[in-house]
Amino acid sequence: MQSELQRAALEEWPQALLAGAIRPNWAAPPGILALMSGRAGGVSTAPFDSLNLRPTALGGEAIDAPAAVLENQRRFALALGAQPVWLEQVHGADVVRLRSEHLLAGAPLPRADASISTEPGLACTVLVADCLPLLLCSQNGRAVGAVHAGWRGLSLGVIERSVALLCEAAGCAPDQVLAWLGPSIGPTAFEVGADVLLAFGQHPATADQALFRSSPRADGSPRWRADLAALARQRLAAIGVVDVSGGRWCTATDASRFFSFRRDGRTGRLAAAVALRGG
């Protein structure tokens, strides 16, 4: 029997429920729900206009009106057809396996940068505003996962850990995993220093130009343009994940469609989510 969220999603999508949202174009098995939000379709006002999904419980300086965020989250859940579980992301490599208790009122947000789930209706969800969102599912449809992959998390192995735990939960091998890369800061906009190259084992003098293109500043100081999507694809390929799609959008250069911390500073957050369809 379909849940209220699923029935509403089937009735209202693809109408203008969330204008600018992206349905992943991967070959996921039946029963997999996935959605990536854009910045349009919500009720928040500038500088969070309009579909800011960042929970106010996370605190910090970028605090939106709580009622607006709750309405935005309701709309996102409705379009997805499952209940998102938000994370307290810390740019690390910890992965949490979601349980129904994560949705209990007053439950703290899991402190992790990725999640996996085998429970129908429970959506693995990550927030981004330049970092790379990565969605995962097993070909057998038994498990899903979402990864917040900034350069720190990528260099620390968040993708490798997420795929390993998803394969364990689904009883599959990495070559039976599908991956979808969402919008992130693109290779023409992501300026980094030597510390980022070194984190990936790249020496500044001999760095792989396909991953880190030399782009000195006007004063001659060394800088590089990093390709987050290519770095993620490299990591996925190294562990045997071969069915990878997406990764063609740049958050920093498309202000009308995406939030970007690097571009705007104080701004909202996009969300990418994936779930097993509930009964």
C-alpha atoms as a PDB file:
ATOM      1  CA  MET A   1       0.000   0.000   0.000  1.00  0.00           C
ATOM      2  CA  GLN A   2       1.476   3.355  -1.016  1.00  0.00           C
ATOM      3  CA  SER A   3       2.301   5.933   1.614  1.00  0.00           C
ATOM      4  CA  GLU A   4       0.849   9.450   1.536  1.00  0.00           C
ATOM      5  CA  LEU A   5       4.205  10.840   0.377  1.00  0.00           C
ATOM      6  CA  GLN A   6       4.411   8.344  -2.493  1.00  0.00           C
ATOM      7  CA  ARG A   7       0.850   8.961  -3.652  1.00  0.00           C
ATOM      8  CA  ALA A   8       1.368  12.718  -3.570  1.00  0.00           C
ATOM      9  CA  ALA A   9       4.647  12.461  -5.448  1.00  0.00           C
ATOM     10  CA  LEU A  10       3.086  10.336  -8.187  1.00  0.00           C
ATOM     11  CA  GLU A  11       0.197  12.780  -8.507  1.00  0.00           C
ATOM     12  CA  GLU A  12       2.189  16.021  -8.491  1.00  0.00           C
ATOM     13  CA  TRP A  13       5.425  15.145 -10.310  1.00  0.00           C
ATOM     14  CA  PRO A  14       6.470  16.254 -12.942  1.00  0.00           C
ATOM     15  CA  GLN A  15       4.345  19.371 -12.427  1.00  0.00           C
ATOM     16  CA  ALA A  16       6.064  22.481 -11.067  1.00  0.00           C
ATOM     17  CA  LEU A  17       6.368  21.067  -7.557  1.00  0.00           C
ATOM     18  CA  LEU A  18      10.104  21.756  -7.478  1.00  0.00           C
ATOM     19  CA  ALA A  19      11.086  23.698 -10.565  1.00  0.00           C
ATOM     20  CA  GLY A  20      14.703  23.041 -11.484  1.00  0.00           C
ATOM     21  CA  ALA A  21      15.022  19.792  -9.523  1.00  0.00           C
ATOM     22  CA  ILE A  22      16.905  16.924 -11.168  1.00  0.00           C
ATOM     23  CA  ARG A  23      15.841  13.304 -11.440  1.00  0.00           C
ATOM     24  CA  PRO A  24      19.052  11.231 -11.790  1.00  0.00           C
ATOM     25  CA  ASN A  25      19.398   9.717 -15.260  1.00  0.00           C
ATOM     26  CA  TRP A  26      20.857   6.426 -14.030  1.00  0.00           C
ATOM     27  CA  ALA A  27      19.683   2.881 -14.777  1.00  0.00           C
ATOM     28  CA  ALA A  28      18.465   2.243 -11.235  1.00  0.00           C
ATOM     29  CA  PRO A  29      16.260  -0.827 -10.656  1.00  0.00           C
ATOM     30  CA  PRO A  30      12.525  -0.449 -10.025  1.00  0.00           C
ATOM     31  CA  GLY A  31      11.745   0.737  -6.521  1.00  0.00           C
ATOM     32  CA  ILE A  32      14.566   3.292  -6.243  1.00  0.00           C
ATOM     33  CA  LEU A  33      13.549   6.906  -5.614  1.00  0.00           C
ATOM     34  CA  ALA A  34      16.108   9.661  -6.181  1.00  0.00           C
ATOM     35  CA  LEU A  35      16.039  13.455  -6.422  1.00  0.00           C
ATOM     36  CA  MET A  36      18.436  16.405  -6.458  1.00  0.00           C
ATOM     37  CA  SER A  37      16.990  19.796  -5.557  1.00  0.00           C
ATOM     38  CA  GLY A  38      17.698  23.091  -7.243  1.00  0.00           C
ATOM     39  CA  ARG A  39      17.349  26.435  -5.492  1.00  0.00           C
ATOM     40  CA  ALA A  40      13.868  27.205  -6.865  1.00  0.00           C
ATOM     41  CA  GLY A  41      10.501  26.083  -5.555  1.00  0.00           C
ATOM     42  CA  GLY A  42      10.721  27.061  -1.888  1.00  0.00           C
ATOM     43  CA  VAL A  43       9.598  29.858   0.412  1.00  0.00           C
ATOM     44  CA  SER A  44      12.852  31.203   1.864  1.00  0.00           C
ATOM     45  CA  THR A  45      13.864  34.807   1.233  1.00  0.00           C
ATOM     46  CA  ALA A  46      17.277  36.205   0.248  1.00  0.00           C
ATOM     47  CA  PRO A  47      20.022  35.197   0.683  1.00  0.00           C
ATOM     48  CA  PHE A  48      18.453  31.725   1.036  1.00  0.00           C
ATOM     49  CA  ASP A  49      15.968  32.091  -1.805  1.00  0.00           C
ATOM     50  CA  SER A  50      14.189  29.932  -2.180  1.00  0.00           C
ATOM     51  CA  LEU A  51      14.436  26.173  -1.537  1.00  0.00           C
ATOM     52  CA  ASN A  52      16.987  26.223   1.273  1.00  0.00           C
ATOM     53  CA  LEU A  53      17.008  22.763   2.902  1.00  0.00           C
ATOM     54  CA  ARG A  54      19.677  23.250   5.591  1.00  0.00           C
ATOM     55  CA  PRO A  55      18.216  22.296   9.014  1.00  0.00           C
ATOM     56  CA  THR A  56      18.276  25.203  11.454  1.00  0.00           C
ATOM     57  CA  ALA A  57      19.375  22.728  14.149  1.00  0.00           C
ATOM     58  CA  LEU A  58      22.841  22.815  12.576  1.00  0.00           C
ATOM     59  CA  GLY A  59      23.359  26.350  13.921  1.00  0.00           C
ATOM     60  CA  GLY A  60      26.144  28.599  12.665  1.00  0.00           C
ATOM     61  CA  GLU A  61      25.821  31.882  10.828  1.00  0.00           C
ATOM     62  CA  ALA A  62      23.671  30.741   7.907  1.00  0.00           C
ATOM     63  CA  ILE A  63      20.393  30.577   9.831  1.00  0.00           C
ATOM     64  CA  ASP A  64      17.206  30.742   7.804  1.00  0.00           C
ATOM     65  CA  ALA A  65      13.695  31.149   9.228  1.00  0.00           C
ATOM     66  CA  PRO A  66      12.800  27.764  10.818  1.00  0.00           C
ATOM     67  CA  ALA A  67       9.254  27.761   9.437  1.00  0.00           C
ATOM     68  CA  ALA A  68      10.550  28.374   5.915  1.00  0.00           C
ATOM     69  CA  VAL A  69      13.077  25.543   6.140  1.00  0.00           C
ATOM     70  CA  LEU A  70      10.439  23.121   7.428  1.00  0.00           C
ATOM     71  CA  GLU A  71       8.132  23.998   4.536  1.00  0.00           C
ATOM     72  CA  ASN A  72      10.996  23.591   2.066  1.00  0.00           C
ATOM     73  CA  GLN A  73      11.852  20.199   3.547  1.00  0.00           C
ATOM     74  CA  ARG A  74       8.193  19.156   3.352  1.00  0.00           C
ATOM     75  CA  ARG A  75       8.112  20.022  -0.336  1.00  0.00           C
ATOM     76  CA  PHE A  76      11.325  18.135  -1.009  1.00  0.00           C
ATOM     77  CA  ALA A  77      10.068  15.017   0.794  1.00  0.00           C
ATOM     78  CA  LEU A  78       6.812  15.228  -1.136  1.00  0.00           C
ATOM     79  CA  ALA A  79       8.590  15.387  -4.491  1.00  0.00           C
ATOM     80  CA  LEU A  80      10.968  12.572  -3.514  1.00  0.00           C
ATOM     81  CA  GLY A  81       8.287  10.267  -2.143  1.00  0.00           C
ATOM     82  CA  ALA A  82      10.286   9.299   0.958  1.00  0.00           C
ATOM     83  CA  GLN A  83      11.395  10.833   4.250  1.00  0.00           C
ATOM     84  CA  PRO A  84      14.878  12.396   4.199  1.00  0.00           C
ATOM     85  CA  VAL A  85      17.253  11.818   7.108  1.00  0.00           C
ATOM     86  CA  TRP A  86      19.441  14.908   7.428  1.00  0.00           C
ATOM     87  CA  LEU A  87      23.051  14.652   8.597  1.00  0.00           C
ATOM     88  CA  GLU A  88      25.425  16.852  10.571  1.00  0.00           C
ATOM     89  CA  GLN A  89      28.164  16.882   7.944  1.00  0.00           C
ATOM     90  CA  VAL A  90      31.739  17.569   9.043  1.00  0.00           C
ATOM     91  CA  HIS A  91      33.811  17.018   5.862  1.00  0.00           C
ATOM     92  CA  GLY A  92      34.975  13.635   7.112  1.00  0.00           C
ATOM     93  CA  ALA A  93      34.649  10.001   6.055  1.00  0.00           C
ATOM     94  CA  ASP A  94      32.183   8.570   8.594  1.00  0.00           C
ATOM     95  CA  VAL A  95      29.219   6.648   7.189  1.00  0.00           C
ATOM     96  CA  VAL A  96      26.020   5.916   9.134  1.00  0.00           C
ATOM     97  CA  ARG A  97      23.504   3.161   8.460  1.00  0.00           C
ATOM     98  CA  LEU A  98      20.042   4.658   8.780  1.00  0.00           C
ATOM     99  CA  ARG A  99      17.391   3.213  11.084  1.00  0.00           C
ATOM    100  CA  SER A 100      13.801   4.237  11.738  1.00  0.00           C
ATOM    101  CA  GLU A 101      14.810   5.766  15.086  1.00  0.00           C
ATOM    102  CA  HIS A 102      16.689   8.489  13.187  1.00  0.00           C
ATOM    103  CA  LEU A 103      13.272   9.987  12.372  1.00  0.00           C
ATOM    104  CA  LEU A 104      12.042  10.133  15.957  1.00  0.00           C
ATOM    105  CA  ALA A 105      11.125  13.597  17.217  1.00  0.00           C
ATOM    106  CA  GLY A 106      14.060  15.155  19.022  1.00  0.00           C
ATOM    107  CA  ALA A 107      16.580  12.634  17.708  1.00  0.00           C
ATOM    108  CA  PRO A 108      19.975  14.262  17.064  1.00  0.00           C
ATOM    109  CA  LEU A 109      21.162  14.477  13.488  1.00  0.00           C
ATOM    110  CA  PRO A 110      23.659  11.692  12.732  1.00  0.00           C
ATOM    111  CA  ARG A 111      27.187  13.127  12.628  1.00  0.00           C
ATOM    112  CA  ALA A 112      28.517  11.740   9.344  1.00  0.00           C
ATOM    113  CA  ASP A 113      29.167  12.665   5.726  1.00  0.00           C
ATOM    114  CA  ALA A 114      27.423   9.698   4.154  1.00  0.00           C
ATOM    115  CA  SER A 115      24.617   7.282   4.889  1.00  0.00           C
ATOM    116  CA  ILE A 116      23.280   3.983   3.592  1.00  0.00           C
ATOM    117  CA  SER A 117      19.852   2.453   4.009  1.00  0.00           C
ATOM    118  CA  THR A 118      18.047  -0.833   3.466  1.00  0.00           C
ATOM    119  CA  GLU A 119      14.795   0.407   5.015  1.00  0.00           C
ATOM    120  CA  PRO A 120      12.033   1.374   2.546  1.00  0.00           C
ATOM    121  CA  GLY A 121      10.869   4.978   2.766  1.00  0.00           C
ATOM    122  CA  LEU A 122      13.978   6.160   4.620  1.00  0.00           C
ATOM    123  CA  ALA A 123      15.997   8.482   2.365  1.00  0.00           C
ATOM    124  CA  CYS A 124      19.764   8.848   2.514  1.00  0.00           C
ATOM    125  CA  THR A 125      20.258  12.595   2.098  1.00  0.00           C
ATOM    126  CA  VAL A 126      23.207  14.974   1.832  1.00  0.00           C
ATOM    127  CA  LEU A 127      23.385  18.774   1.734  1.00  0.00           C
ATOM    128  CA  VAL A 128      25.706  20.652  -0.611  1.00  0.00           C
ATOM    129  CA  ALA A 129      26.487  24.125  -1.915  1.00  0.00           C
ATOM    130  CA  ASP A 130      29.622  23.347  -4.001  1.00  0.00           C
ATOM    131  CA  CYS A 131      30.740  19.972  -2.625  1.00  0.00           C
ATOM    132  CA  LEU A 132      29.862  16.954  -4.738  1.00  0.00           C
ATOM    133  CA  PRO A 133      26.714  14.959  -3.914  1.00  0.00           C
ATOM    134  CA  LEU A 134      27.031  11.286  -4.834  1.00  0.00           C
ATOM    135  CA  LEU A 135      24.085   8.867  -4.873  1.00  0.00           C
ATOM    136  CA  LEU A 136      24.529   5.096  -4.821  1.00  0.00           C
ATOM    137  CA  CYS A 137      22.304   2.066  -5.258  1.00  0.00           C
ATOM    138  CA  SER A 138      22.875  -1.644  -5.717  1.00  0.00           C
ATOM    139  CA  GLN A 139      21.692  -3.261  -8.933  1.00  0.00           C
ATOM    140  CA  ASN A 140      19.689  -5.755  -6.889  1.00  0.00           C
ATOM    141  CA  GLY A 141      17.720  -2.881  -5.326  1.00  0.00           C
ATOM    142  CA  ARG A 142      18.480  -3.873  -1.737  1.00  0.00           C
ATOM    143  CA  ALA A 143      20.460  -0.842  -0.567  1.00  0.00           C
ATOM    144  CA  VAL A 144      21.003   2.831  -1.334  1.00  0.00           C
ATOM    145  CA  GLY A 145      23.464   5.468  -0.180  1.00  0.00           C
ATOM    146  CA  ALA A 146      24.249   9.190  -0.349  1.00  0.00           C
ATOM    147  CA  VAL A 147      27.693  10.755   0.018  1.00  0.00           C
ATOM    148  CA  HIS A 148      28.782  14.333   0.746  1.00  0.00           C
ATOM    149  CA  ALA A 149      32.058  14.459  -1.165  1.00  0.00           C
ATOM    150  CA  GLY A 150      34.046  17.633  -0.745  1.00  0.00           C
ATOM    151  CA  TRP A 151      37.771  17.467  -1.319  1.00  0.00           C
ATOM    152  CA  ARG A 152      38.492  16.621   2.313  1.00  0.00           C
ATOM    153  CA  GLY A 153      36.017  13.752   2.415  1.00  0.00           C
ATOM    154  CA  LEU A 154      37.202  12.462  -0.955  1.00  0.00           C
ATOM    155  CA  SER A 155      40.834  12.457   0.151  1.00  0.00           C
ATOM    156  CA  LEU A 156      39.911  10.709   3.420  1.00  0.00           C
ATOM    157  CA  GLY A 157      38.093   7.871   1.643  1.00  0.00           C
ATOM    158  CA  VAL A 158      34.401   8.650   2.162  1.00  0.00           C
ATOM    159  CA  ILE A 159      33.513   7.102  -1.211  1.00  0.00           C
ATOM    160  CA  GLU A 160      35.444   3.900  -0.542  1.00  0.00           C
ATOM    161  CA  ARG A 161      33.862   3.471   2.882  1.00  0.00           C
ATOM    162  CA  SER A 162      30.372   4.172   1.596  1.00  0.00           C
ATOM    163  CA  VAL A 163      30.618   1.674  -1.262  1.00  0.00           C
ATOM    164  CA  ALA A 164      32.068  -0.997   1.037  1.00  0.00           C
ATOM    165  CA  LEU A 165      29.222  -0.619   3.536  1.00  0.00           C
ATOM    166  CA  LEU A 166      26.581  -0.509   0.808  1.00  0.00           C
ATOM    167  CA  CYS A 167      27.978  -3.703  -0.764  1.00  0.00           C
ATOM    168  CA  GLU A 168      27.949  -5.405   2.626  1.00  0.00           C
ATOM    169  CA  ALA A 169      24.336  -4.370   3.226  1.00  0.00           C
ATOM    170  CA  ALA A 170      23.165  -5.360  -0.256  1.00  0.00           C
ATOM    171  CA  GLY A 171      25.237  -8.517  -0.617  1.00  0.00           C
ATOM    172  CA  CYS A 172      26.816  -7.335  -3.850  1.00  0.00           C
ATOM    173  CA  ALA A 173      30.181  -6.485  -5.392  1.00  0.00           C
ATOM    174  CA  PRO A 174      31.328  -2.944  -6.332  1.00  0.00           C
ATOM    175  CA  ASP A 175      30.779  -3.655 -10.037  1.00  0.00           C
ATOM    176  CA  GLN A 176      27.103  -4.173  -9.159  1.00  0.00           C
ATOM    177  CA  VAL A 177      26.755  -0.646  -7.762  1.00  0.00           C
ATOM    178  CA  LEU A 178      25.357   2.342  -9.663  1.00  0.00           C
ATOM    179  CA  ALA A 179      26.669   5.833  -8.906  1.00  0.00           C
ATOM    180  CA  TRP A 180      25.271   9.239  -9.851  1.00  0.00           C
ATOM    181  CA  LEU A 181      27.173  12.509  -9.455  1.00  0.00           C
ATOM    182  CA  GLY A 182      25.116  15.629  -8.839  1.00  0.00           C
ATOM    183  CA  PRO A 183      25.928  19.331  -9.262  1.00  0.00           C
ATOM    184  CA  SER A 184      29.130  20.628  -7.676  1.00  0.00           C
ATOM    185  CA  ILE A 185      31.628  23.406  -8.222  1.00  0.00           C
ATOM    186  CA  GLY A 186      33.104  22.763 -11.657  1.00  0.00           C
ATOM    187  CA  PRO A 187      36.698  22.421 -12.865  1.00  0.00           C
ATOM    188  CA  THR A 188      36.846  25.980 -14.210  1.00  0.00           C
ATOM    189  CA  ALA A 189      35.722  27.505 -10.901  1.00  0.00           C
ATOM    190  CA  PHE A 190      37.260  25.393  -8.122  1.00  0.00           C
ATOM    191  CA  GLU A 191      40.512  27.119  -7.231  1.00  0.00           C
ATOM    192  CA  VAL A 192      42.693  25.242  -4.728  1.00  0.00           C
ATOM    193  CA  GLY A 193      46.126  25.463  -3.174  1.00  0.00           C
ATOM    194  CA  ALA A 194      48.972  22.990  -2.876  1.00  0.00           C
ATOM    195  CA  ASP A 195      47.486  21.522   0.321  1.00  0.00           C
ATOM    196  CA  VAL A 196      44.642  20.012  -1.691  1.00  0.00           C
ATOM    197  CA  LEU A 197      46.997  18.448  -4.219  1.00  0.00           C
ATOM    198  CA  LEU A 198      49.107  16.952  -1.439  1.00  0.00           C
ATOM    199  CA  ALA A 199      45.984  15.496   0.213  1.00  0.00           C
ATOM    200  CA  PHE A 200      45.462  13.457  -2.960  1.00  0.00           C
ATOM    201  CA  GLY A 201      49.095  12.395  -3.210  1.00  0.00           C
ATOM    202  CA  GLN A 202      49.834  14.830  -6.056  1.00  0.00           C
ATOM    203  CA  HIS A 203      53.050  16.832  -6.051  1.00  0.00           C
ATOM    204  CA  PRO A 204      52.495  20.422  -7.192  1.00  0.00           C
ATOM    205  CA  ALA A 205      55.348  20.217  -9.701  1.00  0.00           C
ATOM    206  CA  THR A 206      54.050  17.077 -11.407  1.00  0.00           C
ATOM    207  CA  ALA A 207      50.305  17.180 -10.735  1.00  0.00           C
ATOM    208  CA  ASP A 208      47.937  15.383 -13.104  1.00  0.00           C
ATOM    209  CA  GLN A 209      46.611  18.223 -15.272  1.00  0.00           C
ATOM    210  CA  ALA A 210      43.366  16.345 -15.898  1.00  0.00           C
ATOM    211  CA  LEU A 211      42.592  16.554 -12.180  1.00  0.00           C
ATOM    212  CA  PHE A 212      44.471  19.704 -11.140  1.00  0.00           C
ATOM    213  CA  ARG A 213      45.045  22.271 -13.882  1.00  0.00           C
ATOM    214  CA  SER A 214      47.717  24.847 -13.079  1.00  0.00           C
ATOM    215  CA  SER A 215      46.125  28.322 -12.900  1.00  0.00           C
ATOM    216  CA  PRO A 216      48.412  30.857 -11.181  1.00  0.00           C
ATOM    217  CA  ARG A 217      46.925  34.077  -9.861  1.00  0.00           C
ATOM    218  CA  ALA A 218      47.724  37.443 -11.431  1.00  0.00           C
ATOM    219  CA  ASP A 219      50.435  38.020  -8.836  1.00  0.00           C
ATOM    220  CA  GLY A 220      52.105  34.749  -9.822  1.00  0.00           C
ATOM    221  CA  SER A 221      51.147  32.793  -6.703  1.00  0.00           C
ATOM    222  CA  PRO A 222      50.545  29.126  -7.570  1.00  0.00           C
ATOM    223  CA  ARG A 223      46.971  27.879  -7.718  1.00  0.00           C
ATOM    224  CA  TRP A 224      45.207  25.022  -9.445  1.00  0.00           C
ATOM    225  CA  ARG A 225      41.700  24.304 -10.721  1.00  0.00           C
ATOM    226  CA  ALA A 226      40.487  21.001  -9.317  1.00  0.00           C
ATOM    227  CA  ASP A 227      37.945  18.683 -10.942  1.00  0.00           C
ATOM    228  CA  LEU A 228      35.839  17.204  -8.108  1.00  0.00           C
ATOM    229  CA  ALA A 229      33.733  15.028 -10.400  1.00  0.00           C
ATOM    230  CA  ALA A 230      36.830  13.571 -12.077  1.00  0.00           C
ATOM    231  CA  LEU A 231      38.410  12.881  -8.677  1.00  0.00           C
ATOM    232  CA  ALA A 232      35.253  11.037  -7.611  1.00  0.00           C
ATOM    233  CA  ARG A 233      35.168   9.034 -10.842  1.00  0.00           C
ATOM    234  CA  GLN A 234      38.804   8.089 -10.320  1.00  0.00           C
ATOM    235  CA  ARG A 235      38.063   6.854  -6.802  1.00  0.00           C
ATOM    236  CA  LEU A 236      35.017   4.908  -7.953  1.00  0.00           C
ATOM    237  CA  ALA A 237      36.912   3.259 -10.798  1.00  0.00           C
ATOM    238  CA  ALA A 238      39.738   2.255  -8.464  1.00  0.00           C
ATOM    239  CA  ILE A 239      37.349   0.213  -6.297  1.00  0.00           C
ATOM    240  CA  GLY A 240      35.474  -1.333  -9.218  1.00  0.00           C
ATOM    241  CA  VAL A 241      32.389   0.889  -9.601  1.00  0.00           C
ATOM    242  CA  VAL A 242      32.026   1.237 -13.357  1.00  0.00           C
ATOM    243  CA  ASP A 243      28.419   2.391 -13.900  1.00  0.00           C
ATOM    244  CA  VAL A 244      28.767   6.119 -13.151  1.00  0.00           C
ATOM    245  CA  SER A 245      26.618   8.933 -14.554  1.00  0.00           C
ATOM    246  CA  GLY A 246      25.958  12.635 -13.970  1.00  0.00           C
ATOM    247  CA  GLY A 247      28.510  15.201 -12.850  1.00  0.00           C
ATOM    248  CA  ARG A 248      28.003  17.768 -15.602  1.00  0.00           C
ATOM    249  CA  TRP A 249      26.669  20.787 -13.661  1.00  0.00           C
ATOM    250  CA  CYS A 250      28.611  23.632 -12.005  1.00  0.00           C
ATOM    251  CA  THR A 251      27.053  25.223  -8.938  1.00  0.00           C
ATOM    252  CA  ALA A 252      29.376  28.232  -8.926  1.00  0.00           C
ATOM    253  CA  THR A 253      28.599  29.385 -12.463  1.00  0.00           C
ATOM    254  CA  ASP A 254      24.811  28.855 -12.492  1.00  0.00           C
ATOM    255  CA  ALA A 255      23.438  31.268  -9.881  1.00  0.00           C
ATOM    256  CA  SER A 256      19.860  31.010 -11.127  1.00  0.00           C
ATOM    257  CA  ARG A 257      19.702  27.276 -10.495  1.00  0.00           C
ATOM    258  CA  PHE A 258      22.103  26.399  -7.670  1.00  0.00           C
ATOM    259  CA  PHE A 259      23.345  27.648  -4.323  1.00  0.00           C
ATOM    260  CA  SER A 260      27.122  28.142  -4.124  1.00  0.00           C
ATOM    261  CA  PHE A 261      29.067  28.906  -0.954  1.00  0.00           C
ATOM    262  CA  ARG A 262      32.201  29.750  -2.915  1.00  0.00           C
ATOM    263  CA  ARG A 263      30.270  32.284  -5.003  1.00  0.00           C
ATOM    264  CA  ASP A 264      27.934  33.815  -2.409  1.00  0.00           C
ATOM    265  CA  GLY A 265      29.184  32.999   1.076  1.00  0.00           C
ATOM    266  CA  ARG A 266      25.974  33.227   3.105  1.00  0.00           C
ATOM    267  CA  THR A 267      23.538  31.096   1.152  1.00  0.00           C
ATOM    268  CA  GLY A 268      21.228  28.071   1.217  1.00  0.00           C
ATOM    269  CA  ARG A 269      21.853  24.375   0.707  1.00  0.00           C
ATOM    270  CA  LEU A 270      20.806  21.935  -2.004  1.00  0.00           C
ATOM    271  CA  ALA A 271      19.952  18.332  -1.202  1.00  0.00           C
ATOM    272  CA  ALA A 272      20.455  15.003  -2.969  1.00  0.00           C
ATOM    273  CA  ALA A 273      18.500  12.003  -1.716  1.00  0.00           C
ATOM    274  CA  VAL A 274      17.902   8.362  -2.573  1.00  0.00           C
ATOM    275  CA  ALA A 275      15.576   5.807  -1.004  1.00  0.00           C
ATOM    276  CA  LEU A 276      13.973   2.414  -1.439  1.00  0.00           C
ATOM    277  CA  ARG A 277      10.311   2.835  -2.293  1.00  0.00           C
ATOM    278  CA  GLY A 278       8.095   2.086   0.702  1.00  0.00           C
ATOM    279  CA  GLY A 279       5.354  -0.519   0.704  1.00  0.00           C
END
